[in-house]
Amino acid sequence: MADNNQGEGWIAFAIAMAMIAGSANIIFGMTALFAKDAISGDSLAYLTVQQLGWVLVIFGVLQFAAAFMISAKKNSGRMLAIVIAALSLLGWMFWVGTLPLAGITALVLNVLIIYGLSVTKKYFA
């Protein structure tokens, strides 16, 4: 007999990680917007602290949207989460030298999210 619940662990993992990352991004973004002294703008190459705040808030909201779409078995949510994880992966590559432990952890988690959502395509059918 075929197991109809294949990949539910990966799905739960992806939902949890998207919600945790979304929460963290919203908190960091709000910190950048309202407590500008908490973040040094000297380390930002292309954005101001306020622009970084808005980018993080929007990114966090998209991560929450992807998590809810995945839980509703929407294939578009799976694709959105994969794209967000890939963008996060690229973004964290620039921070690995500055924050090695956080950077490596984020890289590994994003790879696992992409893998988990890629191998569970049947869950969304």
C-alpha atoms as a PDB file:
ATOM      1  CA  MET A   1       0.000   0.000   0.000  1.00  0.00           C
ATOM      2  CA  ALA A   2       1.162   3.468  -0.810  1.00  0.00           C
ATOM      3  CA  ASP A   3       1.547   5.929   2.003  1.00  0.00           C
ATOM      4  CA  ASN A   4      -0.518   9.056   1.274  1.00  0.00           C
ATOM      5  CA  ASN A   5       1.311  11.012   3.976  1.00  0.00           C
ATOM      6  CA  GLN A   6       4.726  10.971   2.330  1.00  0.00           C
ATOM      7  CA  GLY A   7       6.717  14.063   3.067  1.00  0.00           C
ATOM      8  CA  GLU A   8       4.469  15.530   5.760  1.00  0.00           C
ATOM      9  CA  GLY A   9       7.479  15.895   8.041  1.00  0.00           C
ATOM     10  CA  TRP A  10       9.273  18.010   5.432  1.00  0.00           C
ATOM     11  CA  ILE A  11       6.129  20.075   4.940  1.00  0.00           C
ATOM     12  CA  ALA A  12       5.780  20.678   8.690  1.00  0.00           C
ATOM     13  CA  PHE A  13       9.476  21.599   8.842  1.00  0.00           C
ATOM     14  CA  ALA A  14       9.113  24.079   5.968  1.00  0.00           C
ATOM     15  CA  ILE A  15       6.016  25.666   7.527  1.00  0.00           C
ATOM     16  CA  ALA A  16       7.708  26.020  10.921  1.00  0.00           C
ATOM     17  CA  MET A  17      10.906  27.444   9.452  1.00  0.00           C
ATOM     18  CA  ALA A  18       8.988  29.909   7.260  1.00  0.00           C
ATOM     19  CA  MET A  19       7.028  31.138  10.289  1.00  0.00           C
ATOM     20  CA  ILE A  20      10.152  31.421  12.467  1.00  0.00           C
ATOM     21  CA  ALA A  21      12.110  33.200   9.736  1.00  0.00           C
ATOM     22  CA  GLY A  22       9.141  35.439   8.960  1.00  0.00           C
ATOM     23  CA  SER A  23       8.821  36.403  12.620  1.00  0.00           C
ATOM     24  CA  ALA A  24      12.539  37.129  12.891  1.00  0.00           C
ATOM     25  CA  ASN A  25      12.539  39.210   9.708  1.00  0.00           C
ATOM     26  CA  ILE A  26       9.536  41.242  10.845  1.00  0.00           C
ATOM     27  CA  ILE A  27      11.145  41.860  14.254  1.00  0.00           C
ATOM     28  CA  PHE A  28      14.489  42.832  12.700  1.00  0.00           C
ATOM     29  CA  GLY A  29      12.711  45.016  10.143  1.00  0.00           C
ATOM     30  CA  MET A  30      10.669  46.809  12.794  1.00  0.00           C
ATOM     31  CA  THR A  31      13.849  47.305  14.811  1.00  0.00           C
ATOM     32  CA  ALA A  32      15.513  48.884  11.784  1.00  0.00           C
ATOM     33  CA  LEU A  33      12.489  51.128  11.198  1.00  0.00           C
ATOM     34  CA  PHE A  34      11.801  52.283  14.753  1.00  0.00           C
ATOM     35  CA  ALA A  35      15.085  51.836  16.658  1.00  0.00           C
ATOM     36  CA  LYS A  36      17.548  53.071  14.074  1.00  0.00           C
ATOM     37  CA  ASP A  37      20.323  53.349  16.661  1.00  0.00           C
ATOM     38  CA  ALA A  38      20.203  49.576  17.225  1.00  0.00           C
ATOM     39  CA  ILE A  39      21.556  48.853  13.730  1.00  0.00           C
ATOM     40  CA  SER A  40      24.742  50.371  12.386  1.00  0.00           C
ATOM     41  CA  GLY A  41      24.335  51.667   8.872  1.00  0.00           C
ATOM     42  CA  ASP A  42      28.101  51.447   8.332  1.00  0.00           C
ATOM     43  CA  SER A  43      27.926  47.767   7.365  1.00  0.00           C
ATOM     44  CA  LEU A  44      25.220  48.303   4.734  1.00  0.00           C
ATOM     45  CA  ALA A  45      26.618  48.647   1.229  1.00  0.00           C
ATOM     46  CA  TYR A  46      23.533  49.341  -0.877  1.00  0.00           C
ATOM     47  CA  LEU A  47      20.649  50.179   1.471  1.00  0.00           C
ATOM     48  CA  THR A  48      19.899  52.662   4.199  1.00  0.00           C
ATOM     49  CA  VAL A  49      18.745  51.317   7.567  1.00  0.00           C
ATOM     50  CA  GLN A  50      15.154  52.343   6.794  1.00  0.00           C
ATOM     51  CA  GLN A  51      15.219  50.612   3.384  1.00  0.00           C
ATOM     52  CA  LEU A  52      16.622  47.480   5.024  1.00  0.00           C
ATOM     53  CA  GLY A  53      13.795  47.622   7.555  1.00  0.00           C
ATOM     54  CA  TRP A  54      11.126  47.711   4.862  1.00  0.00           C
ATOM     55  CA  VAL A  55      12.796  44.922   2.876  1.00  0.00           C
ATOM     56  CA  LEU A  56      12.884  42.716   5.973  1.00  0.00           C
ATOM     57  CA  VAL A  57       9.261  43.430   6.913  1.00  0.00           C
ATOM     58  CA  ILE A  58       8.055  42.644   3.377  1.00  0.00           C
ATOM     59  CA  PHE A  59      10.216  39.516   3.260  1.00  0.00           C
ATOM     60  CA  GLY A  60       8.784  38.394   6.624  1.00  0.00           C
ATOM     61  CA  VAL A  61       5.195  38.935   5.496  1.00  0.00           C
ATOM     62  CA  LEU A  62       5.882  36.925   2.320  1.00  0.00           C
ATOM     63  CA  GLN A  63       7.341  34.113   4.442  1.00  0.00           C
ATOM     64  CA  PHE A  64       4.184  34.032   6.561  1.00  0.00           C
ATOM     65  CA  ALA A  65       2.030  34.030   3.424  1.00  0.00           C
ATOM     66  CA  ALA A  66       4.046  31.126   2.014  1.00  0.00           C
ATOM     67  CA  ALA A  67       3.667  29.177   5.277  1.00  0.00           C
ATOM     68  CA  PHE A  68      -0.120  29.602   5.247  1.00  0.00           C
ATOM     69  CA  MET A  69      -0.322  28.723   1.559  1.00  0.00           C
ATOM     70  CA  ILE A  70       1.738  25.576   2.132  1.00  0.00           C
ATOM     71  CA  SER A  71      -0.510  24.527   4.994  1.00  0.00           C
ATOM     72  CA  ALA A  72      -3.479  24.942   2.611  1.00  0.00           C
ATOM     73  CA  LYS A  73      -1.697  22.619   0.121  1.00  0.00           C
ATOM     74  CA  LYS A  74      -1.325  25.370  -2.478  1.00  0.00           C
ATOM     75  CA  ASN A  75       1.412  24.637  -5.008  1.00  0.00           C
ATOM     76  CA  SER A  76       1.919  28.385  -5.418  1.00  0.00           C
ATOM     77  CA  GLY A  77       2.838  28.540  -1.721  1.00  0.00           C
ATOM     78  CA  ARG A  78       5.426  25.820  -2.261  1.00  0.00           C
ATOM     79  CA  MET A  79       6.933  27.751  -5.157  1.00  0.00           C
ATOM     80  CA  LEU A  80       6.873  31.035  -3.206  1.00  0.00           C
ATOM     81  CA  ALA A  81       8.609  29.375  -0.250  1.00  0.00           C
ATOM     82  CA  ILE A  82      11.280  27.878  -2.526  1.00  0.00           C
ATOM     83  CA  VAL A  83      11.943  31.279  -4.137  1.00  0.00           C
ATOM     84  CA  ILE A  84      12.095  32.996  -0.732  1.00  0.00           C
ATOM     85  CA  ALA A  85      14.453  30.320   0.627  1.00  0.00           C
ATOM     86  CA  ALA A  86      16.671  30.694  -2.446  1.00  0.00           C
ATOM     87  CA  LEU A  87      16.777  34.487  -2.039  1.00  0.00           C
ATOM     88  CA  SER A  88      17.527  34.072   1.652  1.00  0.00           C
ATOM     89  CA  LEU A  89      20.277  31.618   0.778  1.00  0.00           C
ATOM     90  CA  LEU A  90      21.853  34.151  -1.573  1.00  0.00           C
ATOM     91  CA  GLY A  91      21.480  36.960   0.947  1.00  0.00           C
ATOM     92  CA  TRP A  92      23.083  34.982   3.771  1.00  0.00           C
ATOM     93  CA  MET A  93      26.068  34.126   1.569  1.00  0.00           C
ATOM     94  CA  PHE A  94      27.112  37.776   1.902  1.00  0.00           C
ATOM     95  CA  TRP A  95      26.870  37.636   5.713  1.00  0.00           C
ATOM     96  CA  VAL A  96      28.747  34.383   6.394  1.00  0.00           C
ATOM     97  CA  GLY A  97      32.031  36.251   6.846  1.00  0.00           C
ATOM     98  CA  THR A  98      30.481  38.694   9.315  1.00  0.00           C
ATOM     99  CA  LEU A  99      28.215  36.275  11.211  1.00  0.00           C
ATOM    100  CA  PRO A 100      29.715  32.806  10.602  1.00  0.00           C
ATOM    101  CA  LEU A 101      27.561  30.696  12.928  1.00  0.00           C
ATOM    102  CA  ALA A 102      24.288  32.416  12.023  1.00  0.00           C
ATOM    103  CA  GLY A 103      25.229  32.447   8.341  1.00  0.00           C
ATOM    104  CA  ILE A 104      26.087  28.758   8.138  1.00  0.00           C
ATOM    105  CA  THR A 105      22.967  27.853  10.120  1.00  0.00           C
ATOM    106  CA  ALA A 106      20.768  29.937   7.801  1.00  0.00           C
ATOM    107  CA  LEU A 107      22.428  28.449   4.708  1.00  0.00           C
ATOM    108  CA  VAL A 108      21.847  24.882   5.907  1.00  0.00           C
ATOM    109  CA  LEU A 109      18.229  25.569   6.922  1.00  0.00           C
ATOM    110  CA  ASN A 110      17.446  27.206   3.579  1.00  0.00           C
ATOM    111  CA  VAL A 111      18.937  24.276   1.672  1.00  0.00           C
ATOM    112  CA  LEU A 112      16.829  21.876   3.769  1.00  0.00           C
ATOM    113  CA  ILE A 113      13.683  23.914   3.106  1.00  0.00           C
ATOM    114  CA  ILE A 114      14.345  23.908  -0.639  1.00  0.00           C
ATOM    115  CA  TYR A 115      15.043  20.170  -0.578  1.00  0.00           C
ATOM    116  CA  GLY A 116      12.001  19.364   1.543  1.00  0.00           C
ATOM    117  CA  LEU A 117       9.629  21.344  -0.636  1.00  0.00           C
ATOM    118  CA  SER A 118      11.180  20.008  -3.839  1.00  0.00           C
ATOM    119  CA  VAL A 119      10.789  16.315  -2.980  1.00  0.00           C
ATOM    120  CA  THR A 120       7.220  16.589  -1.700  1.00  0.00           C
ATOM    121  CA  LYS A 121       5.547  17.700  -4.909  1.00  0.00           C
ATOM    122  CA  LYS A 122       2.943  14.896  -4.631  1.00  0.00           C
ATOM    123  CA  TYR A 123       1.663  16.427  -1.383  1.00  0.00           C
ATOM    124  CA  PHE A 124       0.339  19.402  -3.334  1.00  0.00           C
ATOM    125  CA  ALA A 125      -1.366  17.434  -6.114  1.00  0.00           C
END
